Amino acid sequence: MIMSSLKNSVQLLGRLGRDAQVKVSQNGVQYCHISFVTNLTYLDKDKNEVSTVQWHSLSIWGSLTRVLEKKGQKGSLWIVQGKLVNNTYIDRNGMEQRKTEVRVDRLLFLSSPNETNLPITESMAASAKS
């Protein structure tokens, strides 16, 4: 049972890339597409600290958008959980494009952008599951 629920599961700890802008679809459902940035820091073979940045696209729908309207500031710290979704579309030049996004089904607000010294622990990440 546990393994079947992990087939397409993503959890990320990171910051919003811009202020959240919640919109309403033609069907009347609230949604937000937003960029999300994660950082990975590690030591290389010479014991030098190396930091890498990854940008992700999030797709958030329905009642989950309510908390974004209140706390979704650029730079705010969140834990998101969802699944990877691959989309194909035709761009303005008529070319087929592919985009992978995280379709968020759970999110947890951790801190606003001005709370820079908040310690991040494994227990915080685990609390996103409950």
N, C-alpha and C. Protein backbone atom coordinates (compact mmCIF):
# COMPACT_ATOMS: atom_id res chain seq x y z
N MET A 1 0.82 -1.20 0.00
CA MET A 1 0.00 0.00 0.00
C MET A 1 0.87 1.26 0.00
N ILE A 2 1.89 1.28 0.85
CA ILE A 2 2.74 2.47 0.93
C ILE A 2 3.47 2.69 -0.39
N MET A 3 4.01 1.63 -0.97
CA MET A 3 4.77 1.78 -2.21
C MET A 3 3.89 2.29 -3.35
N SER A 4 2.65 1.87 -3.40
CA SER A 4 1.78 2.34 -4.48
C SER A 4 1.50 3.83 -4.37
N SER A 5 1.48 4.37 -3.15
CA SER A 5 1.24 5.80 -2.98
C SER A 5 2.49 6.63 -3.27
N LEU A 6 3.65 5.98 -3.37
CA LEU A 6 4.91 6.70 -3.63
C LEU A 6 5.33 6.65 -5.09
N LYS A 7 4.53 6.08 -5.96
CA LYS A 7 4.91 5.95 -7.36
C LYS A 7 5.18 7.30 -8.02
N ASN A 8 4.38 8.28 -7.72
CA ASN A 8 4.56 9.62 -8.30
C ASN A 8 4.31 10.62 -7.18
N SER A 9 5.29 10.74 -6.30
CA SER A 9 5.15 11.61 -5.15
C SER A 9 6.38 12.51 -5.04
N VAL A 10 6.14 13.81 -4.84
CA VAL A 10 7.21 14.80 -4.74
C VAL A 10 7.00 15.63 -3.48
N GLN A 11 8.07 15.84 -2.73
CA GLN A 11 8.05 16.75 -1.59
C GLN A 11 9.22 17.71 -1.75
N LEU A 12 8.92 18.99 -1.64
CA LEU A 12 9.96 20.01 -1.79
C LEU A 12 9.90 21.01 -0.64
N LEU A 13 11.06 21.44 -0.20
CA LEU A 13 11.19 22.52 0.77
C LEU A 13 11.87 23.66 0.05
N GLY A 14 11.19 24.80 -0.05
CA GLY A 14 11.77 25.91 -0.79
C GLY A 14 10.99 27.20 -0.63
N ARG A 15 11.28 28.14 -1.51
CA ARG A 15 10.70 29.48 -1.42
C ARG A 15 9.97 29.84 -2.71
N LEU A 16 8.91 30.65 -2.56
CA LEU A 16 8.18 31.13 -3.73
C LEU A 16 9.06 32.09 -4.53
N GLY A 17 9.01 31.95 -5.84
CA GLY A 17 9.82 32.79 -6.72
C GLY A 17 9.21 34.16 -6.99
N ARG A 18 7.94 34.34 -6.67
CA ARG A 18 7.26 35.63 -6.81
C ARG A 18 6.02 35.61 -5.93
N ASP A 19 5.36 36.76 -5.80
CA ASP A 19 4.11 36.81 -5.04
C ASP A 19 3.06 35.95 -5.75
N ALA A 20 2.28 35.23 -4.96
CA ALA A 20 1.23 34.38 -5.52
C ALA A 20 0.11 35.24 -6.10
N GLN A 21 -0.36 34.86 -7.27
CA GLN A 21 -1.50 35.53 -7.91
C GLN A 21 -2.55 34.47 -8.18
N VAL A 22 -3.55 34.44 -7.32
CA VAL A 22 -4.62 33.45 -7.47
C VAL A 22 -5.61 33.95 -8.52
N LYS A 23 -5.95 33.06 -9.45
CA LYS A 23 -6.88 33.38 -10.53
C LYS A 23 -8.07 32.43 -10.45
N VAL A 24 -9.07 32.69 -11.26
CA VAL A 24 -10.26 31.84 -11.32
C VAL A 24 -10.39 31.29 -12.73
N SER A 25 -10.56 29.98 -12.85
CA SER A 25 -10.69 29.33 -14.15
C SER A 25 -12.07 29.62 -14.75
N GLN A 26 -12.26 29.24 -16.01
CA GLN A 26 -13.56 29.41 -16.67
C GLN A 26 -14.64 28.61 -15.96
N ASN A 27 -14.24 27.56 -15.25
CA ASN A 27 -15.19 26.73 -14.50
C ASN A 27 -15.43 27.24 -13.09
N GLY A 28 -14.83 28.38 -12.73
CA GLY A 28 -15.03 28.97 -11.42
C GLY A 28 -14.14 28.42 -10.32
N VAL A 29 -13.10 27.67 -10.68
CA VAL A 29 -12.18 27.09 -9.69
C VAL A 29 -10.96 27.99 -9.54
N GLN A 30 -10.58 28.28 -8.30
CA GLN A 30 -9.40 29.09 -8.06
C GLN A 30 -8.15 28.26 -8.33
N TYR A 31 -7.11 28.91 -8.89
CA TYR A 31 -5.85 28.24 -9.16
C TYR A 31 -4.70 29.23 -9.10
N CYS A 32 -3.49 28.69 -8.98
CA CYS A 32 -2.28 29.51 -8.98
C CYS A 32 -1.15 28.69 -9.59
N HIS A 33 -0.50 29.26 -10.59
CA HIS A 33 0.72 28.69 -11.15
C HIS A 33 1.85 29.61 -10.69
N ILE A 34 2.85 29.01 -10.05
CA ILE A 34 3.90 29.84 -9.47
C ILE A 34 5.24 29.12 -9.51
N SER A 35 6.31 29.91 -9.57
CA SER A 35 7.66 29.33 -9.54
C SER A 35 8.09 29.11 -8.10
N PHE A 36 8.91 28.09 -7.91
CA PHE A 36 9.35 27.65 -6.58
C PHE A 36 10.82 27.30 -6.70
N VAL A 37 11.62 27.76 -5.75
CA VAL A 37 13.06 27.52 -5.82
C VAL A 37 13.53 26.69 -4.62
N THR A 38 14.36 25.70 -4.92
CA THR A 38 14.98 24.89 -3.87
C THR A 38 16.48 25.03 -3.98
N ASN A 39 17.14 24.87 -2.86
CA ASN A 39 18.60 24.97 -2.79
C ASN A 39 19.16 23.67 -2.22
N LEU A 40 20.29 23.26 -2.75
CA LEU A 40 21.01 22.10 -2.24
C LEU A 40 22.44 22.53 -1.99
N THR A 41 22.91 22.32 -0.78
CA THR A 41 24.28 22.65 -0.43
C THR A 41 24.99 21.38 0.00
N TYR A 42 26.19 21.18 -0.53
CA TYR A 42 26.97 19.99 -0.18
C TYR A 42 28.45 20.33 -0.26
N LEU A 43 29.29 19.42 0.24
CA LEU A 43 30.73 19.59 0.17
C LEU A 43 31.27 18.76 -0.99
N ASP A 44 32.11 19.39 -1.82
CA ASP A 44 32.72 18.65 -2.92
C ASP A 44 33.90 17.84 -2.40
N LYS A 45 34.62 17.18 -3.31
CA LYS A 45 35.73 16.30 -2.90
C LYS A 45 36.85 17.05 -2.19
N ASP A 46 36.98 18.38 -2.43
CA ASP A 46 38.00 19.20 -1.77
C ASP A 46 37.47 19.88 -0.53
N LYS A 47 36.28 19.47 -0.06
CA LYS A 47 35.64 20.02 1.14
C LYS A 47 35.21 21.47 0.98
N ASN A 48 35.00 21.90 -0.26
CA ASN A 48 34.46 23.23 -0.52
C ASN A 48 32.95 23.14 -0.56
N GLU A 49 32.28 24.13 0.01
CA GLU A 49 30.82 24.14 -0.01
C GLU A 49 30.32 24.56 -1.39
N VAL A 50 29.43 23.76 -1.94
CA VAL A 50 28.85 24.01 -3.25
C VAL A 50 27.35 24.14 -3.07
N SER A 51 26.77 25.17 -3.66
CA SER A 51 25.33 25.38 -3.56
C SER A 51 24.74 25.38 -4.96
N THR A 52 23.66 24.61 -5.15
CA THR A 52 22.97 24.59 -6.42
C THR A 52 21.53 25.03 -6.22
N VAL A 53 20.97 25.63 -7.24
CA VAL A 53 19.60 26.14 -7.19
C VAL A 53 18.79 25.44 -8.27
N GLN A 54 17.60 25.00 -7.92
CA GLN A 54 16.69 24.38 -8.88
C GLN A 54 15.37 25.15 -8.86
N TRP A 55 14.84 25.46 -10.04
CA TRP A 55 13.54 26.11 -10.16
C TRP A 55 12.50 25.09 -10.56
N HIS A 56 11.32 25.18 -9.96
CA HIS A 56 10.22 24.25 -10.21
C HIS A 56 8.97 25.06 -10.53
N SER A 57 8.07 24.47 -11.29
CA SER A 57 6.76 25.07 -11.55
C SER A 57 5.73 24.34 -10.71
N LEU A 58 4.95 25.11 -9.95
CA LEU A 58 3.89 24.54 -9.12
C LEU A 58 2.54 24.90 -9.71
N SER A 59 1.61 23.96 -9.63
CA SER A 59 0.23 24.18 -10.02
C SER A 59 -0.64 23.85 -8.80
N ILE A 60 -1.35 24.86 -8.31
CA ILE A 60 -2.12 24.72 -7.08
C ILE A 60 -3.58 25.07 -7.39
N TRP A 61 -4.51 24.20 -6.98
CA TRP A 61 -5.92 24.36 -7.34
C TRP A 61 -6.82 24.31 -6.11
N GLY A 62 -7.99 24.91 -6.25
CA GLY A 62 -9.06 24.80 -5.26
C GLY A 62 -8.77 25.48 -3.94
N SER A 63 -9.18 24.84 -2.87
CA SER A 63 -9.10 25.44 -1.54
C SER A 63 -7.67 25.68 -1.08
N LEU A 64 -6.69 25.00 -1.66
CA LEU A 64 -5.29 25.22 -1.28
C LEU A 64 -4.83 26.65 -1.61
N THR A 65 -5.52 27.29 -2.54
CA THR A 65 -5.11 28.64 -2.93
C THR A 65 -5.42 29.68 -1.84
N ARG A 66 -6.31 29.35 -0.91
CA ARG A 66 -6.69 30.32 0.13
C ARG A 66 -5.51 30.77 0.97
N VAL A 67 -4.67 29.82 1.38
CA VAL A 67 -3.51 30.18 2.20
C VAL A 67 -2.49 30.97 1.38
N LEU A 68 -2.43 30.71 0.08
CA LEU A 68 -1.52 31.48 -0.78
C LEU A 68 -1.95 32.93 -0.88
N GLU A 69 -3.26 33.17 -0.91
CA GLU A 69 -3.75 34.55 -0.97
C GLU A 69 -3.30 35.34 0.25
N LYS A 70 -3.20 34.68 1.39
CA LYS A 70 -2.84 35.36 2.64
C LYS A 70 -1.33 35.41 2.89
N LYS A 71 -0.62 34.34 2.55
CA LYS A 71 0.79 34.23 2.95
C LYS A 71 1.74 33.99 1.79
N GLY A 72 1.25 34.04 0.56
CA GLY A 72 2.06 33.71 -0.59
C GLY A 72 2.93 34.83 -1.11
N GLN A 73 3.88 35.27 -0.30
CA GLN A 73 4.80 36.35 -0.70
C GLN A 73 6.07 35.77 -1.32
N LYS A 74 6.64 36.50 -2.25
CA LYS A 74 7.91 36.12 -2.83
C LYS A 74 8.92 35.91 -1.70
N GLY A 75 9.61 34.77 -1.74
CA GLY A 75 10.62 34.47 -0.73
C GLY A 75 10.10 33.74 0.49
N SER A 76 8.79 33.59 0.62
CA SER A 76 8.27 32.86 1.78
C SER A 76 8.62 31.38 1.66
N LEU A 77 8.82 30.75 2.81
CA LEU A 77 9.30 29.38 2.88
C LEU A 77 8.13 28.41 3.05
N TRP A 78 8.11 27.35 2.23
CA TRP A 78 7.00 26.39 2.21
C TRP A 78 7.53 24.98 2.06
N ILE A 79 6.73 24.03 2.49
CA ILE A 79 6.89 22.63 2.11
C ILE A 79 5.69 22.30 1.24
N VAL A 80 5.95 21.73 0.06
CA VAL A 80 4.87 21.33 -0.83
C VAL A 80 4.98 19.84 -1.10
N GLN A 81 3.82 19.22 -1.29
CA GLN A 81 3.77 17.81 -1.63
C GLN A 81 2.78 17.66 -2.78
N GLY A 82 3.14 16.83 -3.73
CA GLY A 82 2.25 16.63 -4.87
C GLY A 82 2.77 15.56 -5.78
N LYS A 83 2.41 15.67 -7.06
CA LYS A 83 2.85 14.70 -8.05
C LYS A 83 3.34 15.44 -9.29
N LEU A 84 4.22 14.79 -10.03
CA LEU A 84 4.72 15.36 -11.27
C LEU A 84 3.72 15.16 -12.39
N VAL A 85 3.48 16.22 -13.14
CA VAL A 85 2.57 16.17 -14.28
C VAL A 85 3.31 16.76 -15.48
N ASN A 86 3.29 16.03 -16.59
CA ASN A 86 3.90 16.50 -17.83
C ASN A 86 2.81 17.05 -18.74
N ASN A 87 2.99 18.28 -19.19
CA ASN A 87 2.03 18.92 -20.08
C ASN A 87 2.70 19.21 -21.42
N THR A 88 1.93 19.09 -22.48
CA THR A 88 2.37 19.44 -23.83
C THR A 88 1.44 20.52 -24.36
N TYR A 89 2.03 21.53 -24.98
CA TYR A 89 1.23 22.61 -25.54
C TYR A 89 1.93 23.18 -26.77
N ILE A 90 1.18 23.95 -27.55
CA ILE A 90 1.72 24.60 -28.74
C ILE A 90 2.00 26.07 -28.39
N ASP A 91 3.24 26.51 -28.60
CA ASP A 91 3.60 27.89 -28.26
C ASP A 91 3.14 28.85 -29.36
N ARG A 92 3.45 30.13 -29.19
CA ARG A 92 3.02 31.18 -30.14
C ARG A 92 3.58 30.98 -31.54
N ASN A 93 4.72 30.28 -31.62
CA ASN A 93 5.35 30.04 -32.92
C ASN A 93 4.90 28.74 -33.57
N GLY A 94 3.93 28.08 -32.94
CA GLY A 94 3.42 26.83 -33.48
C GLY A 94 4.27 25.61 -33.15
N MET A 95 5.22 25.77 -32.26
CA MET A 95 6.10 24.66 -31.88
C MET A 95 5.54 23.95 -30.65
N GLU A 96 5.65 22.62 -30.66
CA GLU A 96 5.22 21.84 -29.51
C GLU A 96 6.22 22.00 -28.37
N GLN A 97 5.73 22.30 -27.19
CA GLN A 97 6.57 22.47 -26.01
C GLN A 97 6.11 21.50 -24.93
N ARG A 98 7.03 21.13 -24.07
CA ARG A 98 6.72 20.25 -22.93
C ARG A 98 7.11 20.97 -21.65
N LYS A 99 6.28 20.78 -20.65
CA LYS A 99 6.54 21.41 -19.36
C LYS A 99 6.18 20.42 -18.26
N THR A 100 7.08 20.26 -17.30
CA THR A 100 6.81 19.42 -16.14
C THR A 100 6.53 20.33 -14.96
N GLU A 101 5.46 20.04 -14.23
CA GLU A 101 5.11 20.83 -13.06
C GLU A 101 4.75 19.91 -11.91
N VAL A 102 4.76 20.46 -10.73
CA VAL A 102 4.30 19.74 -9.55
C VAL A 102 2.86 20.15 -9.30
N ARG A 103 1.94 19.21 -9.40
CA ARG A 103 0.53 19.45 -9.08
C ARG A 103 0.41 19.25 -7.57
N VAL A 104 0.30 20.34 -6.84
CA VAL A 104 0.35 20.33 -5.38
C VAL A 104 -0.97 19.85 -4.80
N ASP A 105 -0.87 18.89 -3.85
CA ASP A 105 -2.07 18.46 -3.14
C ASP A 105 -1.98 18.74 -1.64
N ARG A 106 -0.80 19.12 -1.16
CA ARG A 106 -0.64 19.54 0.23
C ARG A 106 0.45 20.60 0.29
N LEU A 107 0.26 21.60 1.15
CA LEU A 107 1.30 22.60 1.34
C LEU A 107 1.28 23.08 2.78
N LEU A 108 2.46 23.47 3.23
CA LEU A 108 2.63 23.92 4.60
C LEU A 108 3.48 25.18 4.60
N PHE A 109 2.91 26.27 5.12
CA PHE A 109 3.62 27.54 5.24
C PHE A 109 4.56 27.45 6.43
N LEU A 110 5.84 27.85 6.25
CA LEU A 110 6.81 27.82 7.34
C LEU A 110 7.20 29.20 7.82
N SER A 111 7.49 30.12 6.90
CA SER A 111 7.90 31.46 7.34
C SER A 111 7.76 32.47 6.21
N SER A 112 7.65 33.73 6.60
CA SER A 112 7.59 34.81 5.64
C SER A 112 9.01 35.16 5.19
N PRO A 113 9.16 35.96 4.14
CA PRO A 113 10.50 36.27 3.62
C PRO A 113 11.43 36.95 4.62
N ASN A 114 10.88 37.73 5.53
CA ASN A 114 11.73 38.46 6.47
C ASN A 114 12.15 37.63 7.67
N GLU A 115 11.70 36.40 7.79
CA GLU A 115 12.13 35.50 8.86
C GLU A 115 13.26 34.64 8.32
N THR A 116 14.45 35.21 8.25
CA THR A 116 15.55 34.54 7.56
C THR A 116 16.29 33.53 8.43
N ASN A 117 16.19 33.59 9.74
CA ASN A 117 16.98 32.71 10.58
C ASN A 117 16.20 31.53 11.13
N LEU A 118 15.11 31.17 10.50
CA LEU A 118 14.32 30.03 10.94
C LEU A 118 15.10 28.75 10.66
N PRO A 119 15.38 27.94 11.68
CA PRO A 119 16.09 26.70 11.43
C PRO A 119 15.18 25.69 10.74
N ILE A 120 15.70 24.99 9.76
CA ILE A 120 14.95 23.97 9.05
C ILE A 120 15.46 22.62 9.54
N THR A 121 14.55 21.81 10.01
CA THR A 121 14.93 20.50 10.52
C THR A 121 14.14 19.41 9.82
N GLU A 122 14.60 18.18 9.97
CA GLU A 122 13.87 17.06 9.38
C GLU A 122 12.49 16.93 9.99
N SER A 123 12.34 17.31 11.26
CA SER A 123 11.02 17.21 11.89
C SER A 123 10.02 18.16 11.24
N MET A 124 10.48 19.31 10.75
CA MET A 124 9.61 20.23 10.04
C MET A 124 9.12 19.60 8.76
N ALA A 125 10.04 18.98 8.03
CA ALA A 125 9.67 18.33 6.78
C ALA A 125 8.71 17.18 7.06
N ALA A 126 8.92 16.47 8.14
CA ALA A 126 8.04 15.36 8.48
C ALA A 126 6.65 15.85 8.86
N SER A 127 6.56 17.06 9.42
CA SER A 127 5.26 17.57 9.83
C SER A 127 4.37 17.88 8.63
N ALA A 128 4.95 18.03 7.46
CA ALA A 128 4.15 18.27 6.25
C ALA A 128 3.33 17.04 5.88
N LYS A 129 3.77 15.87 6.35
CA LYS A 129 3.06 14.63 6.04
C LYS A 129 1.82 14.45 6.90
N SER A 130 1.80 15.08 8.07
CA SER A 130 0.67 14.87 8.97
C SER A 130 -0.43 15.86 8.78
